[in-house]
Amino acid sequence: MIYEGKLNGSGLKIGIVAARFNEFIVSKLVSGAEDCLYRHDVAKEDVEVAWVPGAFEIPLVAQAMARTKKYDAIICLGCVIRGATSHYDYVCNEVSKGIAKVSLDENMPVMFGVVTTENIEQAIERAGTKAGNKGYDCAMGALEMVSLLKGIK
């Protein structure tokens, strides 16, 4: 047996957790995710966005949303740009671990769409220019994972 996820969002309810810090980048990621979901038949009323102060707060709100049991997947979007201190490393490590933990603990797709870059130019590239839109990519992954997990069950 081979399991593969399909990209049909009809009837799915998707939560998005978005960090307000670096909002000029994150808002483009959110738009990309919404565009993907709507193109794949997720109804506008079935997409809910929760804005949090920064990337570090994403896992807690993703967990709270997951525990409501009303979402098929949670998409986590943010942008962390390296600065002059080690703060970047701490934030990136904890956010990635936290998002993975929520996904495993809640047994549902919780997608990591936090752009982590060395500079603002790289962030802009990943928010819809040269390197595509990571929000869109993350939404595609969410749709595929929901379908894949349903197929396995």
C-alpha atoms as a PDB file:
ATOM      1  CA  MET A   1       0.000   0.000   0.000  1.00  0.00           C
ATOM      2  CA  ILE A   2       1.219   3.488  -0.857  1.00  0.00           C
ATOM      3  CA  TYR A   3      -0.214   6.465   0.986  1.00  0.00           C
ATOM      4  CA  GLU A   4      -0.197   9.913  -0.579  1.00  0.00           C
ATOM      5  CA  GLY A   5      -1.976  13.081   0.430  1.00  0.00           C
ATOM      6  CA  LYS A   6      -4.274  14.958  -1.931  1.00  0.00           C
ATOM      7  CA  LEU A   7      -4.586  18.717  -2.209  1.00  0.00           C
ATOM      8  CA  ASN A   8      -8.334  19.057  -1.725  1.00  0.00           C
ATOM      9  CA  GLY A   9      -9.325  21.396   1.087  1.00  0.00           C
ATOM     10  CA  SER A  10     -13.084  21.082   0.689  1.00  0.00           C
ATOM     11  CA  GLY A  11     -14.726  20.803   4.105  1.00  0.00           C
ATOM     12  CA  LEU A  12     -11.509  21.440   6.034  1.00  0.00           C
ATOM     13  CA  LYS A  13     -11.111  24.001   8.818  1.00  0.00           C
ATOM     14  CA  ILE A  14      -7.635  25.511   9.073  1.00  0.00           C
ATOM     15  CA  GLY A  15      -6.124  27.637  11.838  1.00  0.00           C
ATOM     16  CA  ILE A  16      -3.261  30.027  11.176  1.00  0.00           C
ATOM     17  CA  VAL A  17      -1.055  31.407  13.947  1.00  0.00           C
ATOM     18  CA  ALA A  18       0.883  34.460  12.765  1.00  0.00           C
ATOM     19  CA  ALA A  19       3.532  36.494  14.583  1.00  0.00           C
ATOM     20  CA  ARG A  20       3.076  40.265  14.509  1.00  0.00           C
ATOM     21  CA  PHE A  21       6.833  40.892  14.866  1.00  0.00           C
ATOM     22  CA  ASN A  22       8.205  41.551  11.352  1.00  0.00           C
ATOM     23  CA  GLU A  23       4.579  41.902  10.266  1.00  0.00           C
ATOM     24  CA  PHE A  24       5.530  43.395   6.903  1.00  0.00           C
ATOM     25  CA  ILE A  25       6.951  39.938   6.035  1.00  0.00           C
ATOM     26  CA  VAL A  26       4.480  37.789   7.977  1.00  0.00           C
ATOM     27  CA  SER A  27       1.442  39.484   6.433  1.00  0.00           C
ATOM     28  CA  LYS A  28       2.704  38.327   3.021  1.00  0.00           C
ATOM     29  CA  LEU A  29       3.108  34.780   4.365  1.00  0.00           C
ATOM     30  CA  VAL A  30      -0.465  34.854   5.686  1.00  0.00           C
ATOM     31  CA  SER A  31      -1.744  36.116   2.328  1.00  0.00           C
ATOM     32  CA  GLY A  32       0.169  33.342   0.565  1.00  0.00           C
ATOM     33  CA  ALA A  33      -1.278  30.684   2.879  1.00  0.00           C
ATOM     34  CA  GLU A  34      -4.810  32.014   2.447  1.00  0.00           C
ATOM     35  CA  ASP A  35      -4.390  32.140  -1.332  1.00  0.00           C
ATOM     36  CA  CYS A  36      -3.300  28.489  -1.390  1.00  0.00           C
ATOM     37  CA  LEU A  37      -6.141  27.364   0.857  1.00  0.00           C
ATOM     38  CA  TYR A  38      -8.809  29.206  -1.146  1.00  0.00           C
ATOM     39  CA  ARG A  39      -7.410  27.886  -4.446  1.00  0.00           C
ATOM     40  CA  HIS A  40      -7.740  24.371  -3.044  1.00  0.00           C
ATOM     41  CA  ASP A  41     -11.388  24.757  -1.998  1.00  0.00           C
ATOM     42  CA  VAL A  42     -11.082  25.687   1.666  1.00  0.00           C
ATOM     43  CA  ALA A  43     -13.967  28.085   2.351  1.00  0.00           C
ATOM     44  CA  LYS A  44     -13.026  31.575   3.580  1.00  0.00           C
ATOM     45  CA  GLU A  45     -15.159  31.084   6.695  1.00  0.00           C
ATOM     46  CA  ASP A  46     -13.148  27.931   7.483  1.00  0.00           C
ATOM     47  CA  VAL A  47      -9.834  29.780   7.811  1.00  0.00           C
ATOM     48  CA  GLU A  48      -9.174  31.513  11.130  1.00  0.00           C
ATOM     49  CA  VAL A  49      -6.085  33.602  11.914  1.00  0.00           C
ATOM     50  CA  ALA A  50      -4.728  34.289  15.406  1.00  0.00           C
ATOM     51  CA  TRP A  51      -2.085  37.023  15.640  1.00  0.00           C
ATOM     52  CA  VAL A  52       0.501  36.674  18.432  1.00  0.00           C
ATOM     53  CA  PRO A  53       3.158  39.211  19.516  1.00  0.00           C
ATOM     54  CA  GLY A  54       6.179  37.292  18.203  1.00  0.00           C
ATOM     55  CA  ALA A  55       7.440  33.933  17.005  1.00  0.00           C
ATOM     56  CA  PHE A  56       8.136  32.693  20.537  1.00  0.00           C
ATOM     57  CA  GLU A  57       4.411  32.820  21.347  1.00  0.00           C
ATOM     58  CA  ILE A  58       3.376  30.737  18.321  1.00  0.00           C
ATOM     59  CA  PRO A  59       3.564  27.246  19.924  1.00  0.00           C
ATOM     60  CA  LEU A  60       1.316  28.129  22.879  1.00  0.00           C
ATOM     61  CA  VAL A  61      -1.443  29.546  20.689  1.00  0.00           C
ATOM     62  CA  ALA A  62      -1.048  26.700  18.179  1.00  0.00           C
ATOM     63  CA  GLN A  63      -1.540  24.267  21.058  1.00  0.00           C
ATOM     64  CA  ALA A  64      -4.596  26.157  22.333  1.00  0.00           C
ATOM     65  CA  MET A  65      -6.123  26.102  18.847  1.00  0.00           C
ATOM     66  CA  ALA A  66      -5.310  22.412  18.370  1.00  0.00           C
ATOM     67  CA  ARG A  67      -6.913  21.496  21.677  1.00  0.00           C
ATOM     68  CA  THR A  68     -10.232  22.989  20.604  1.00  0.00           C
ATOM     69  CA  LYS A  69     -10.458  20.054  18.139  1.00  0.00           C
ATOM     70  CA  LYS A  70     -12.162  22.310  15.592  1.00  0.00           C
ATOM     71  CA  TYR A  71      -9.231  22.512  13.152  1.00  0.00           C
ATOM     72  CA  ASP A  72      -7.906  19.915  10.737  1.00  0.00           C
ATOM     73  CA  ALA A  73      -4.489  21.596  10.669  1.00  0.00           C
ATOM     74  CA  ILE A  74      -2.675  24.582  12.133  1.00  0.00           C
ATOM     75  CA  ILE A  75      -0.271  26.670  10.047  1.00  0.00           C
ATOM     76  CA  CYS A  76       2.362  28.582  12.030  1.00  0.00           C
ATOM     77  CA  LEU A  77       3.826  31.648  10.318  1.00  0.00           C
ATOM     78  CA  GLY A  78       6.475  34.067  11.482  1.00  0.00           C
ATOM     79  CA  CYS A  79       9.764  35.684  10.587  1.00  0.00           C
ATOM     80  CA  VAL A  80      12.937  35.717  12.665  1.00  0.00           C
ATOM     81  CA  ILE A  81      15.892  37.662  11.252  1.00  0.00           C
ATOM     82  CA  ARG A  82      19.363  37.234  12.748  1.00  0.00           C
ATOM     83  CA  GLY A  83      20.625  40.219  14.704  1.00  0.00           C
ATOM     84  CA  ALA A  84      23.855  40.976  16.527  1.00  0.00           C
ATOM     85  CA  THR A  85      23.094  38.796  19.577  1.00  0.00           C
ATOM     86  CA  SER A  86      22.367  35.117  20.247  1.00  0.00           C
ATOM     87  CA  HIS A  87      18.640  35.860  20.718  1.00  0.00           C
ATOM     88  CA  TYR A  88      17.959  34.590  17.167  1.00  0.00           C
ATOM     89  CA  ASP A  89      19.301  31.115  17.978  1.00  0.00           C
ATOM     90  CA  TYR A  90      17.236  30.791  21.145  1.00  0.00           C
ATOM     91  CA  VAL A  91      14.021  31.915  19.495  1.00  0.00           C
ATOM     92  CA  CYS A  92      14.463  29.726  16.394  1.00  0.00           C
ATOM     93  CA  ASN A  93      15.318  26.623  18.420  1.00  0.00           C
ATOM     94  CA  GLU A  94      12.442  26.967  20.862  1.00  0.00           C
ATOM     95  CA  VAL A  95       9.841  27.847  18.237  1.00  0.00           C
ATOM     96  CA  SER A  96      10.754  24.886  16.030  1.00  0.00           C
ATOM     97  CA  LYS A  97      10.763  22.481  18.985  1.00  0.00           C
ATOM     98  CA  GLY A  98       7.507  23.910  20.309  1.00  0.00           C
ATOM     99  CA  ILE A  99       5.679  23.598  16.992  1.00  0.00           C
ATOM    100  CA  ALA A 100       6.902  20.017  16.513  1.00  0.00           C
ATOM    101  CA  LYS A 101       5.814  19.138  20.055  1.00  0.00           C
ATOM    102  CA  VAL A 102       2.304  20.491  19.483  1.00  0.00           C
ATOM    103  CA  SER A 103       1.986  18.450  16.295  1.00  0.00           C
ATOM    104  CA  LEU A 104       3.069  15.232  18.003  1.00  0.00           C
ATOM    105  CA  ASP A 105       1.174  15.817  21.258  1.00  0.00           C
ATOM    106  CA  GLU A 106      -2.069  16.732  19.499  1.00  0.00           C
ATOM    107  CA  ASN A 107      -1.661  14.188  16.658  1.00  0.00           C
ATOM    108  CA  MET A 108      -2.406  16.677  13.905  1.00  0.00           C
ATOM    109  CA  PRO A 109      -0.537  18.638  11.237  1.00  0.00           C
ATOM    110  CA  VAL A 110       0.973  21.759  12.798  1.00  0.00           C
ATOM    111  CA  MET A 111       3.072  23.249  10.047  1.00  0.00           C
ATOM    112  CA  PHE A 112       6.336  25.149  10.551  1.00  0.00           C
ATOM    113  CA  GLY A 113       6.208  28.255   8.387  1.00  0.00           C
ATOM    114  CA  VAL A 114       8.515  30.461  10.401  1.00  0.00           C
ATOM    115  CA  VAL A 115      11.022  32.042   8.038  1.00  0.00           C
ATOM    116  CA  THR A 116      14.457  32.150   9.687  1.00  0.00           C
ATOM    117  CA  THR A 117      16.966  34.250   7.781  1.00  0.00           C
ATOM    118  CA  GLU A 118      20.310  35.954   8.063  1.00  0.00           C
ATOM    119  CA  ASN A 119      19.012  39.276   6.738  1.00  0.00           C
ATOM    120  CA  ILE A 120      15.961  41.194   5.586  1.00  0.00           C
ATOM    121  CA  GLU A 121      16.680  40.501   1.914  1.00  0.00           C
ATOM    122  CA  GLN A 122      16.389  36.738   2.451  1.00  0.00           C
ATOM    123  CA  ALA A 123      13.141  37.245   4.348  1.00  0.00           C
ATOM    124  CA  ILE A 124      11.669  39.304   1.518  1.00  0.00           C
ATOM    125  CA  GLU A 125      12.704  36.610  -0.991  1.00  0.00           C
ATOM    126  CA  ARG A 126      10.823  33.951   0.994  1.00  0.00           C
ATOM    127  CA  ALA A 127       7.697  36.071   1.318  1.00  0.00           C
ATOM    128  CA  GLY A 128       6.746  36.041  -2.333  1.00  0.00           C
ATOM    129  CA  THR A 129       9.634  37.112  -4.522  1.00  0.00           C
ATOM    130  CA  LYS A 130      12.621  35.018  -5.708  1.00  0.00           C
ATOM    131  CA  ALA A 131      12.219  32.053  -3.357  1.00  0.00           C
ATOM    132  CA  GLY A 132       8.426  31.763  -3.595  1.00  0.00           C
ATOM    133  CA  ASN A 133       6.073  32.266  -0.679  1.00  0.00           C
ATOM    134  CA  LYS A 134       6.702  30.021   2.315  1.00  0.00           C
ATOM    135  CA  GLY A 135       3.175  30.673   3.595  1.00  0.00           C
ATOM    136  CA  TYR A 136       1.755  29.229   0.376  1.00  0.00           C
ATOM    137  CA  ASP A 137       4.145  26.256   0.591  1.00  0.00           C
ATOM    138  CA  CYS A 138       3.204  25.634   4.204  1.00  0.00           C
ATOM    139  CA  ALA A 139      -0.516  25.639   3.376  1.00  0.00           C
ATOM    140  CA  MET A 140       0.106  23.100   0.596  1.00  0.00           C
ATOM    141  CA  GLY A 141       1.893  20.907   3.111  1.00  0.00           C
ATOM    142  CA  ALA A 142      -0.992  21.236   5.561  1.00  0.00           C
ATOM    143  CA  LEU A 143      -3.554  20.112   2.972  1.00  0.00           C
ATOM    144  CA  GLU A 144      -1.390  17.176   1.954  1.00  0.00           C
ATOM    145  CA  MET A 145      -0.764  16.085   5.540  1.00  0.00           C
ATOM    146  CA  VAL A 146      -4.458  16.227   6.511  1.00  0.00           C
ATOM    147  CA  SER A 147      -5.317  14.013   3.549  1.00  0.00           C
ATOM    148  CA  LEU A 148      -2.387  11.667   4.169  1.00  0.00           C
ATOM    149  CA  LEU A 149      -3.241  11.145   7.832  1.00  0.00           C
ATOM    150  CA  LYS A 150      -6.906  10.504   6.981  1.00  0.00           C
ATOM    151  CA  GLY A 151      -5.770   7.903   4.445  1.00  0.00           C
ATOM    152  CA  ILE A 152      -3.614   6.112   7.002  1.00  0.00           C
ATOM    153  CA  LYS A 153      -6.417   5.989   9.584  1.00  0.00           C
END
